[in-house]
Amino acid sequence: MKTDLKSDGRTERATAIRAERRAHILESAIRTFSAKGYHQTSIADIVDAAGVARGTFYLYFESKSTVFLALLDELLAHLRANVVGVDVTPGAAPLPAQLLDIVRRVLRTMVDRRALANILFREAIGLDADVDQKLRGFYGSLQTFLIAALRMGQQSGAVRATLDVDASASCILGSIKQVLEQYLVNNSEQDFDVERFAHAIVDYNLNGVLAR
């Protein structure tokens, strides 16, 4: 009589072990990329850091670039989960408060994955065609979200009707990227004050710099 693998939990345990080993390799890769840089890191470096055999590495990943793509996919999934639609129903929070909450969550996600953020800003552009495509797609989706949010603001009267929403969405996105690069990546040894920078980004983009 054959044993039902599902009934004794061996299949589930094997799946969990594979998932843990894959996650361990990814975490080791982040540390190695962060310490040596993507281009200077070899598969041998990742294998050594993870404490696994080279054959084990190839059970999960085809190359160094597929490791980075997996890390990027994870980061983008977390970021997308934090960019939710603007609520315009009666009783919803004001648009500035909603945008502040979204920016705050995006910044916190990058802080929680600071090592990967460093690699993303320093080395990802032009690194690989698939990486470029994923980044363009993600930034494009953020741009689309911001345009939609600004247009909803126009409809509700919270945003002035004459605003160029397309150009303004690019400016908002650019300010977020610049703050992350300047204060999270270039000052990697310092604490990043999420509240300070979230408020600064929203205040600047909604209110400008001139006294009223």
C-alpha atoms as a PDB file:
ATOM      1  CA  MET A   1       0.000   0.000   0.000  1.00  0.00           C
ATOM      2  CA  LYS A   2       1.400   3.368  -1.015  1.00  0.00           C
ATOM      3  CA  THR A   3       1.720   6.102   1.542  1.00  0.00           C
ATOM      4  CA  ASP A   4      -0.188   9.298   0.818  1.00  0.00           C
ATOM      5  CA  LEU A   5       2.513  11.993   0.937  1.00  0.00           C
ATOM      6  CA  LYS A   6      -0.037  14.684   1.495  1.00  0.00           C
ATOM      7  CA  SER A   7      -1.555  12.909   4.490  1.00  0.00           C
ATOM      8  CA  ASP A   8       1.696  12.680   6.436  1.00  0.00           C
ATOM      9  CA  GLY A   9       2.749  16.248   5.695  1.00  0.00           C
ATOM     10  CA  ARG A  10       5.991  15.412   3.890  1.00  0.00           C
ATOM     11  CA  THR A  11       5.024  17.336   0.769  1.00  0.00           C
ATOM     12  CA  GLU A  12       4.210  20.429   2.796  1.00  0.00           C
ATOM     13  CA  ARG A  13       7.457  20.147   4.758  1.00  0.00           C
ATOM     14  CA  ALA A  14       9.482  19.719   1.570  1.00  0.00           C
ATOM     15  CA  THR A  15       7.777  22.768   0.044  1.00  0.00           C
ATOM     16  CA  ALA A  16       8.475  24.812   3.171  1.00  0.00           C
ATOM     17  CA  ILE A  17      12.131  23.756   3.165  1.00  0.00           C
ATOM     18  CA  ARG A  18      12.525  24.767  -0.483  1.00  0.00           C
ATOM     19  CA  ALA A  19      10.896  28.126   0.193  1.00  0.00           C
ATOM     20  CA  GLU A  20      13.154  28.743   3.193  1.00  0.00           C
ATOM     21  CA  ARG A  21      16.280  27.791   1.239  1.00  0.00           C
ATOM     22  CA  ARG A  22      15.301  30.060  -1.648  1.00  0.00           C
ATOM     23  CA  ALA A  23      14.640  32.943   0.758  1.00  0.00           C
ATOM     24  CA  HIS A  24      18.000  32.304   2.427  1.00  0.00           C
ATOM     25  CA  ILE A  25      19.827  32.481  -0.912  1.00  0.00           C
ATOM     26  CA  LEU A  26      18.026  35.738  -1.743  1.00  0.00           C
ATOM     27  CA  GLU A  27      18.887  37.280   1.609  1.00  0.00           C
ATOM     28  CA  SER A  28      22.522  36.239   1.192  1.00  0.00           C
ATOM     29  CA  ALA A  29      22.517  37.779  -2.287  1.00  0.00           C
ATOM     30  CA  ILE A  30      21.201  41.099  -0.949  1.00  0.00           C
ATOM     31  CA  ARG A  31      23.990  41.265   1.619  1.00  0.00           C
ATOM     32  CA  THR A  32      26.621  40.360  -0.963  1.00  0.00           C
ATOM     33  CA  PHE A  33      25.333  42.791  -3.600  1.00  0.00           C
ATOM     34  CA  SER A  34      25.205  45.531  -0.980  1.00  0.00           C
ATOM     35  CA  ALA A  35      28.761  44.870   0.222  1.00  0.00           C
ATOM     36  CA  LYS A  36      30.486  44.300  -3.133  1.00  0.00           C
ATOM     37  CA  GLY A  37      28.171  45.830  -5.713  1.00  0.00           C
ATOM     38  CA  TYR A  38      26.183  43.909  -8.288  1.00  0.00           C
ATOM     39  CA  HIS A  39      28.849  43.837 -10.992  1.00  0.00           C
ATOM     40  CA  GLN A  40      31.620  42.736  -8.635  1.00  0.00           C
ATOM     41  CA  THR A  41      29.534  39.939  -7.120  1.00  0.00           C
ATOM     42  CA  SER A  42      29.863  36.453  -8.578  1.00  0.00           C
ATOM     43  CA  ILE A  43      27.673  33.409  -8.135  1.00  0.00           C
ATOM     44  CA  ALA A  44      30.531  31.939  -6.102  1.00  0.00           C
ATOM     45  CA  ASP A  45      30.256  34.902  -3.700  1.00  0.00           C
ATOM     46  CA  ILE A  46      26.521  34.321  -3.250  1.00  0.00           C
ATOM     47  CA  VAL A  47      27.015  30.578  -2.781  1.00  0.00           C
ATOM     48  CA  ASP A  48      29.715  31.176  -0.160  1.00  0.00           C
ATOM     49  CA  ALA A  49      27.587  33.718   1.689  1.00  0.00           C
ATOM     50  CA  ALA A  50      24.592  31.384   1.686  1.00  0.00           C
ATOM     51  CA  GLY A  51      26.635  28.352   2.695  1.00  0.00           C
ATOM     52  CA  VAL A  52      25.133  26.167  -0.043  1.00  0.00           C
ATOM     53  CA  ALA A  53      26.577  24.149  -2.899  1.00  0.00           C
ATOM     54  CA  ARG A  54      26.678  25.665  -6.373  1.00  0.00           C
ATOM     55  CA  GLY A  55      24.346  22.907  -7.554  1.00  0.00           C
ATOM     56  CA  THR A  56      21.837  23.937  -4.908  1.00  0.00           C
ATOM     57  CA  PHE A  57      21.955  27.515  -6.182  1.00  0.00           C
ATOM     58  CA  TYR A  58      21.101  26.367  -9.694  1.00  0.00           C
ATOM     59  CA  LEU A  59      18.079  24.448  -8.421  1.00  0.00           C
ATOM     60  CA  TYR A  60      16.511  27.823  -7.645  1.00  0.00           C
ATOM     61  CA  PHE A  61      18.124  30.363  -9.983  1.00  0.00           C
ATOM     62  CA  GLU A  62      19.577  30.254 -13.485  1.00  0.00           C
ATOM     63  CA  SER A  63      22.005  33.135 -13.050  1.00  0.00           C
ATOM     64  CA  LYS A  64      23.002  36.133 -10.980  1.00  0.00           C
ATOM     65  CA  SER A  65      20.567  38.310 -12.921  1.00  0.00           C
ATOM     66  CA  THR A  66      17.620  36.031 -12.120  1.00  0.00           C
ATOM     67  CA  VAL A  67      18.461  36.447  -8.432  1.00  0.00           C
ATOM     68  CA  PHE A  68      18.322  40.201  -8.792  1.00  0.00           C
ATOM     69  CA  LEU A  69      15.056  40.004 -10.757  1.00  0.00           C
ATOM     70  CA  ALA A  70      13.520  37.922  -7.977  1.00  0.00           C
ATOM     71  CA  LEU A  71      14.601  40.516  -5.408  1.00  0.00           C
ATOM     72  CA  LEU A  72      13.238  43.315  -7.584  1.00  0.00           C
ATOM     73  CA  ASP A  73       9.915  41.515  -8.059  1.00  0.00           C
ATOM     74  CA  GLU A  74       9.571  41.185  -4.292  1.00  0.00           C
ATOM     75  CA  LEU A  75      10.292  44.876  -3.715  1.00  0.00           C
ATOM     76  CA  LEU A  76       7.905  46.047  -6.453  1.00  0.00           C
ATOM     77  CA  ALA A  77       5.153  43.776  -5.125  1.00  0.00           C
ATOM     78  CA  HIS A  78       5.483  45.363  -1.675  1.00  0.00           C
ATOM     79  CA  LEU A  79       5.449  48.856  -3.174  1.00  0.00           C
ATOM     80  CA  ARG A  80       2.385  48.145  -5.313  1.00  0.00           C
ATOM     81  CA  ALA A  81       0.570  46.789  -2.267  1.00  0.00           C
ATOM     82  CA  ASN A  82       1.086  50.151  -0.566  1.00  0.00           C
ATOM     83  CA  VAL A  83      -0.169  52.292  -3.447  1.00  0.00           C
ATOM     84  CA  VAL A  84      -3.930  52.120  -3.087  1.00  0.00           C
ATOM     85  CA  GLY A  85      -6.595  54.070  -4.900  1.00  0.00           C
ATOM     86  CA  VAL A  86      -7.787  57.422  -3.609  1.00  0.00           C
ATOM     87  CA  ASP A  87     -11.087  57.213  -1.742  1.00  0.00           C
ATOM     88  CA  VAL A  88     -13.549  59.882  -2.858  1.00  0.00           C
ATOM     89  CA  THR A  89     -16.603  58.536  -1.037  1.00  0.00           C
ATOM     90  CA  PRO A  90     -18.398  60.778   1.479  1.00  0.00           C
ATOM     91  CA  GLY A  91     -16.617  60.820   4.810  1.00  0.00           C
ATOM     92  CA  ALA A  92     -13.271  59.736   3.363  1.00  0.00           C
ATOM     93  CA  ALA A  93     -10.097  61.391   4.583  1.00  0.00           C
ATOM     94  CA  PRO A  94      -9.056  64.569   2.711  1.00  0.00           C
ATOM     95  CA  LEU A  95      -6.881  64.046  -0.375  1.00  0.00           C
ATOM     96  CA  PRO A  96      -3.703  65.461   1.269  1.00  0.00           C
ATOM     97  CA  ALA A  97      -4.053  63.043   4.175  1.00  0.00           C
ATOM     98  CA  GLN A  98      -4.528  60.107   1.822  1.00  0.00           C
ATOM     99  CA  LEU A  99      -1.507  61.078  -0.282  1.00  0.00           C
ATOM    100  CA  LEU A 100       0.566  61.534   2.869  1.00  0.00           C
ATOM    101  CA  ASP A 101      -0.340  58.041   4.026  1.00  0.00           C
ATOM    102  CA  ILE A 102       0.605  56.541   0.641  1.00  0.00           C
ATOM    103  CA  VAL A 103       3.940  58.379   0.483  1.00  0.00           C
ATOM    104  CA  ARG A 104       4.658  57.387   4.082  1.00  0.00           C
ATOM    105  CA  ARG A 105       4.066  53.704   3.308  1.00  0.00           C
ATOM    106  CA  VAL A 106       6.171  53.810   0.133  1.00  0.00           C
ATOM    107  CA  LEU A 107       9.084  55.395   2.013  1.00  0.00           C
ATOM    108  CA  ARG A 108       8.784  52.907   4.869  1.00  0.00           C
ATOM    109  CA  THR A 109       8.858  50.004   2.409  1.00  0.00           C
ATOM    110  CA  MET A 110      12.117  51.307   0.949  1.00  0.00           C
ATOM    111  CA  VAL A 111      13.605  51.814   4.410  1.00  0.00           C
ATOM    112  CA  ASP A 112      12.699  48.252   5.399  1.00  0.00           C
ATOM    113  CA  ARG A 113      14.536  47.050   2.269  1.00  0.00           C
ATOM    114  CA  ARG A 114      17.325  49.591   2.395  1.00  0.00           C
ATOM    115  CA  ALA A 115      20.082  47.316   1.094  1.00  0.00           C
ATOM    116  CA  LEU A 116      18.042  46.488  -1.992  1.00  0.00           C
ATOM    117  CA  ALA A 117      17.087  50.150  -2.442  1.00  0.00           C
ATOM    118  CA  ASN A 118      20.788  51.027  -2.495  1.00  0.00           C
ATOM    119  CA  ILE A 119      21.416  48.550  -5.303  1.00  0.00           C
ATOM    120  CA  LEU A 120      18.308  49.690  -7.155  1.00  0.00           C
ATOM    121  CA  PHE A 121      19.348  53.347  -7.272  1.00  0.00           C
ATOM    122  CA  ARG A 122      23.068  52.809  -7.770  1.00  0.00           C
ATOM    123  CA  GLU A 123      23.244  49.970 -10.267  1.00  0.00           C
ATOM    124  CA  ALA A 124      19.844  48.852 -11.593  1.00  0.00           C
ATOM    125  CA  ILE A 125      19.415  51.333 -14.462  1.00  0.00           C
ATOM    126  CA  GLY A 126      20.843  49.790 -17.611  1.00  0.00           C
ATOM    127  CA  LEU A 127      21.739  46.645 -15.698  1.00  0.00           C
ATOM    128  CA  ASP A 128      19.554  44.288 -17.682  1.00  0.00           C
ATOM    129  CA  ALA A 129      16.778  44.619 -20.275  1.00  0.00           C
ATOM    130  CA  ASP A 130      14.316  42.758 -18.044  1.00  0.00           C
ATOM    131  CA  VAL A 131      15.213  44.961 -15.083  1.00  0.00           C
ATOM    132  CA  ASP A 132      14.735  48.097 -17.172  1.00  0.00           C
ATOM    133  CA  GLN A 133      11.353  46.859 -18.377  1.00  0.00           C
ATOM    134  CA  LYS A 134      10.152  46.078 -14.871  1.00  0.00           C
ATOM    135  CA  LEU A 135      11.279  49.465 -13.561  1.00  0.00           C
ATOM    136  CA  ARG A 136       9.650  51.338 -16.458  1.00  0.00           C
ATOM    137  CA  GLY A 137       6.446  49.427 -15.893  1.00  0.00           C
ATOM    138  CA  PHE A 138       6.442  50.160 -12.173  1.00  0.00           C
ATOM    139  CA  TYR A 139       7.205  53.861 -12.533  1.00  0.00           C
ATOM    140  CA  GLY A 140       4.611  54.038 -15.279  1.00  0.00           C
ATOM    141  CA  SER A 141       1.989  52.557 -12.966  1.00  0.00           C
ATOM    142  CA  LEU A 142       2.913  55.080 -10.262  1.00  0.00           C
ATOM    143  CA  GLN A 143       2.616  57.886 -12.801  1.00  0.00           C
ATOM    144  CA  THR A 144      -0.821  56.631 -13.823  1.00  0.00           C
ATOM    145  CA  PHE A 145      -1.917  56.446 -10.189  1.00  0.00           C
ATOM    146  CA  LEU A 146      -0.757  60.001  -9.484  1.00  0.00           C
ATOM    147  CA  ILE A 147      -2.489  61.348 -12.582  1.00  0.00           C
ATOM    148  CA  ALA A 148      -5.728  59.651 -11.532  1.00  0.00           C
ATOM    149  CA  ALA A 149      -5.414  61.013  -7.987  1.00  0.00           C
ATOM    150  CA  LEU A 150      -4.846  64.566  -9.236  1.00  0.00           C
ATOM    151  CA  ARG A 151      -7.786  64.359 -11.617  1.00  0.00           C
ATOM    152  CA  MET A 152     -10.020  63.159  -8.806  1.00  0.00           C
ATOM    153  CA  GLY A 153      -8.758  66.117  -6.812  1.00  0.00           C
ATOM    154  CA  GLN A 154      -9.738  68.437  -9.655  1.00  0.00           C
ATOM    155  CA  GLN A 155     -13.210  66.939  -9.784  1.00  0.00           C
ATOM    156  CA  SER A 156     -13.684  67.424  -6.051  1.00  0.00           C
ATOM    157  CA  GLY A 157     -12.272  70.950  -6.121  1.00  0.00           C
ATOM    158  CA  ALA A 158      -9.269  70.085  -3.948  1.00  0.00           C
ATOM    159  CA  VAL A 159      -6.865  70.542  -6.892  1.00  0.00           C
ATOM    160  CA  ARG A 160      -6.987  73.578  -9.145  1.00  0.00           C
ATOM    161  CA  ALA A 161      -8.599  72.973 -12.535  1.00  0.00           C
ATOM    162  CA  THR A 162      -5.720  74.561 -14.474  1.00  0.00           C
ATOM    163  CA  LEU A 163      -3.095  72.120 -13.163  1.00  0.00           C
ATOM    164  CA  ASP A 164      -1.149  70.142 -15.767  1.00  0.00           C
ATOM    165  CA  VAL A 165      -1.737  66.767 -14.131  1.00  0.00           C
ATOM    166  CA  ASP A 166       0.656  64.796 -16.366  1.00  0.00           C
ATOM    167  CA  ALA A 167       3.658  67.057 -15.738  1.00  0.00           C
ATOM    168  CA  SER A 168       2.737  67.462 -12.073  1.00  0.00           C
ATOM    169  CA  ALA A 169       2.562  63.680 -11.587  1.00  0.00           C
ATOM    170  CA  SER A 170       6.092  63.431 -13.001  1.00  0.00           C
ATOM    171  CA  CYS A 171       7.283  66.119 -10.588  1.00  0.00           C
ATOM    172  CA  ILE A 172       5.753  64.341  -7.596  1.00  0.00           C
ATOM    173  CA  LEU A 173       7.284  61.009  -8.623  1.00  0.00           C
ATOM    174  CA  GLY A 174      10.629  62.692  -9.244  1.00  0.00           C
ATOM    175  CA  SER A 175      10.633  64.304  -5.808  1.00  0.00           C
ATOM    176  CA  ILE A 176      10.030  60.951  -4.127  1.00  0.00           C
ATOM    177  CA  LYS A 177      12.861  59.309  -6.087  1.00  0.00           C
ATOM    178  CA  GLN A 178      15.243  62.216  -5.376  1.00  0.00           C
ATOM    179  CA  VAL A 179      14.558  62.199  -1.636  1.00  0.00           C
ATOM    180  CA  LEU A 180      15.167  58.448  -1.508  1.00  0.00           C
ATOM    181  CA  GLU A 181      18.395  58.719  -3.454  1.00  0.00           C
ATOM    182  CA  GLN A 182      19.742  61.711  -1.538  1.00  0.00           C
ATOM    183  CA  TYR A 183      18.795  60.768   1.999  1.00  0.00           C
ATOM    184  CA  LEU A 184      18.318  56.985   1.980  1.00  0.00           C
ATOM    185  CA  VAL A 185      20.974  55.817  -0.478  1.00  0.00           C
ATOM    186  CA  ASN A 186      23.676  58.488  -0.347  1.00  0.00           C
ATOM    187  CA  ASN A 187      23.448  58.670   3.452  1.00  0.00           C
ATOM    188  CA  SER A 188      23.135  54.954   4.046  1.00  0.00           C
ATOM    189  CA  GLU A 189      24.686  55.117   7.526  1.00  0.00           C
ATOM    190  CA  GLN A 190      22.150  57.617   8.826  1.00  0.00           C
ATOM    191  CA  ASP A 191      18.607  57.034  10.022  1.00  0.00           C
ATOM    192  CA  PHE A 192      15.920  57.962   7.524  1.00  0.00           C
ATOM    193  CA  ASP A 193      13.087  59.955   9.094  1.00  0.00           C
ATOM    194  CA  VAL A 194      10.016  58.644   7.267  1.00  0.00           C
ATOM    195  CA  GLU A 195       7.617  61.132   8.848  1.00  0.00           C
ATOM    196  CA  ARG A 196       9.816  64.130   8.100  1.00  0.00           C
ATOM    197  CA  PHE A 197      10.314  63.304   4.436  1.00  0.00           C
ATOM    198  CA  ALA A 198       6.757  62.117   3.807  1.00  0.00           C
ATOM    199  CA  HIS A 199       5.411  65.428   5.128  1.00  0.00           C
ATOM    200  CA  ALA A 200       8.036  67.404   3.199  1.00  0.00           C
ATOM    201  CA  ILE A 201       7.221  65.690  -0.107  1.00  0.00           C
ATOM    202  CA  VAL A 202       3.479  66.158   0.231  1.00  0.00           C
ATOM    203  CA  ASP A 203       3.775  69.717   1.566  1.00  0.00           C
ATOM    204  CA  TYR A 204       6.110  70.788  -1.240  1.00  0.00           C
ATOM    205  CA  ASN A 205       4.037  69.223  -4.001  1.00  0.00           C
ATOM    206  CA  LEU A 206       0.697  70.446  -2.708  1.00  0.00           C
ATOM    207  CA  ASN A 207       1.647  73.852  -1.285  1.00  0.00           C
ATOM    208  CA  GLY A 208       4.874  74.892  -3.044  1.00  0.00           C
ATOM    209  CA  VAL A 209       7.441  77.137  -1.396  1.00  0.00           C
ATOM    210  CA  LEU A 210       5.984  80.654  -1.567  1.00  0.00           C
ATOM    211  CA  ALA A 211       4.438  82.305   1.490  1.00  0.00           C
ATOM    212  CA  ARG A 212       0.708  82.807   1.155  1.00  0.00           C
END
